[in-house]
Protein backbone atom coordinates (compact mmCIF):
# COMPACT_ATOMS: atom_id res chain seq x y z
CA MET A 1 -23.09 25.57 -37.54
CA GLU A 2 -22.57 22.44 -39.63
CA LYS A 3 -19.23 21.96 -37.94
CA TRP A 4 -20.85 21.72 -34.51
CA ARG A 5 -23.65 19.46 -35.76
CA ALA A 6 -21.16 16.99 -37.18
CA MET A 7 -19.10 17.09 -34.00
CA ILE A 8 -22.18 16.59 -31.79
CA LYS A 9 -23.25 13.71 -34.03
CA GLY A 10 -19.87 12.01 -33.52
CA ILE A 11 -20.02 12.49 -29.75
CA SER A 12 -23.58 11.20 -29.56
CA ILE A 13 -22.76 8.09 -31.62
CA SER A 14 -19.97 7.22 -29.20
CA LEU A 15 -22.02 7.90 -26.10
CA MET A 16 -25.03 5.94 -27.38
CA LEU A 17 -22.75 2.91 -27.39
CA TYR A 18 -20.85 3.59 -24.16
CA ILE A 19 -23.77 4.49 -21.87
CA PRO A 20 -25.52 1.08 -22.02
CA LEU A 21 -22.17 -0.71 -21.82
CA SER A 22 -21.25 1.33 -18.72
CA ILE A 23 -24.54 0.47 -17.02
CA ILE A 24 -24.08 -3.23 -17.81
CA SER A 25 -20.55 -3.12 -16.45
CA TYR A 26 -21.72 -1.39 -13.27
CA PHE A 27 -24.29 -4.09 -12.48
CA ASN A 28 -21.83 -6.81 -13.47
CA GLU A 29 -19.30 -5.47 -10.96
CA VAL A 30 -21.91 -5.05 -8.22
CA GLN A 31 -23.04 -8.65 -8.67
CA ASN A 32 -19.73 -10.46 -9.30
CA ALA A 33 -16.78 -8.37 -8.08
CA CYS A 34 -14.56 -9.69 -5.31
CA PHE A 35 -11.18 -8.41 -4.13
CA ASP A 36 -9.14 -10.35 -1.60
CA PRO A 37 -5.47 -10.52 -2.61
CA PHE A 38 -4.18 -11.95 0.67
CA THR A 39 -6.25 -15.10 1.25
CA ASN A 40 -7.52 -15.72 -2.30
CA SER A 41 -10.95 -16.57 -0.93
CA CYS A 42 -12.84 -15.07 -3.87
CA PRO A 43 -14.84 -17.54 -5.95
CA GLN A 44 -14.08 -17.97 -9.63
CA PRO A 45 -15.93 -15.24 -11.59
CA PRO A 46 -18.57 -16.38 -14.08
CA GLY A 47 -17.62 -16.74 -17.73
CA TYR A 48 -19.36 -13.52 -18.75
CA TYR A 49 -17.58 -11.39 -16.12
CA HIS A 50 -14.93 -9.95 -18.47
CA LEU A 51 -17.24 -9.42 -21.48
CA PRO A 52 -18.08 -5.73 -20.76
CA LYS A 53 -14.37 -4.89 -20.46
CA PHE A 54 -13.52 -6.69 -23.70
CA ALA A 55 -16.49 -5.02 -25.41
CA ALA A 56 -15.34 -1.57 -24.24
CA LEU A 57 -11.80 -2.24 -25.45
CA PHE A 58 -13.06 -3.45 -28.84
CA LEU A 59 -15.45 -0.50 -29.09
CA THR A 60 -12.66 1.96 -28.29
CA PHE A 61 -10.36 0.62 -30.99
CA HIS A 62 -13.19 0.34 -33.52
CA LEU A 63 -14.43 3.91 -32.98
CA LEU A 64 -10.93 5.39 -33.08
CA ARG A 65 -10.13 3.44 -36.26
CA HIS A 66 -13.38 4.70 -37.81
CA ALA A 67 -12.54 8.27 -36.74
CA TRP A 68 -9.09 7.93 -38.31
CA ARG A 69 -10.61 6.76 -41.60
CA GLU A 70 -13.12 9.62 -41.58
CA ARG A 71 -10.29 12.07 -40.90
CA GLU A 72 -8.52 11.08 -44.10
CA ASP A 73 -11.46 12.26 -46.21
CA GLN A 74 -11.13 15.74 -47.62
CA GLY A 75 -14.50 17.16 -46.56
CA ASN A 76 -14.82 19.30 -43.45
CA HIS A 77 -17.96 17.44 -42.37
CA GLU A 78 -16.05 14.16 -42.15
CA ARG A 79 -13.20 15.75 -40.22
CA ASP A 80 -15.59 17.28 -37.72
CA LEU A 81 -17.38 13.95 -37.37
CA SER A 82 -14.05 12.26 -36.69
CA LYS A 83 -13.20 14.86 -34.04
CA GLY A 84 -16.56 14.19 -32.41
CA LEU A 85 -16.01 10.43 -32.55
CA ALA A 86 -12.58 10.76 -30.96
CA LEU A 87 -13.83 13.11 -28.24
CA GLY A 88 -16.90 10.95 -27.59
CA THR A 89 -14.70 7.86 -27.34
CA ILE A 90 -12.48 9.52 -24.74
CA ILE A 91 -15.50 10.72 -22.73
CA GLY A 92 -17.25 7.36 -23.08
CA PHE A 93 -14.22 5.32 -22.02
CA PHE A 94 -13.71 7.56 -18.98
CA MET A 95 -17.39 7.16 -18.11
CA PHE A 96 -17.10 3.37 -18.52
CA PHE A 97 -14.11 3.36 -16.16
CA ILE A 98 -15.94 5.42 -13.52
CA PHE A 99 -19.03 3.17 -13.69
CA THR A 100 -16.90 0.03 -13.48
CA MET A 101 -14.97 1.30 -10.47
CA GLY A 102 -18.21 2.54 -8.90
CA GLY A 103 -19.65 -0.97 -9.15
CA PHE A 104 -16.45 -2.60 -7.91
CA TRP A 105 -15.62 -0.37 -4.93
CA GLY A 106 -18.97 1.30 -4.37
CA TRP A 107 -19.90 4.92 -5.10
CA GLU A 108 -19.09 6.12 -1.60
CA HIS A 109 -15.41 5.28 -2.13
CA ILE A 110 -15.27 6.80 -5.61
CA LEU A 111 -17.10 10.09 -5.07
CA PHE A 112 -16.01 11.05 -1.57
């Protein structure tokens, strides 16, 4: 039972960080996204436009590095926590990608 608790704790730590970042990225894309490769008529994006993507990239590397360090410890609790962190990071990054694309293209193009 301790194994699952440690793993759930790792997943929840990752998702507690990725869920707000995904929501911020969604609204950022809805407000500022523009795609017109042929005429280049899109205005210059604001300075904060790329911040959610950079934050997600930094968060991914930081969580995976932390999971790798926890994995090197000899206790089973730390290894299960690192498995949860790695799994939560994968789930969270996928969720971030879906929310970003949903804001950019619109949900009707993503889901159907």
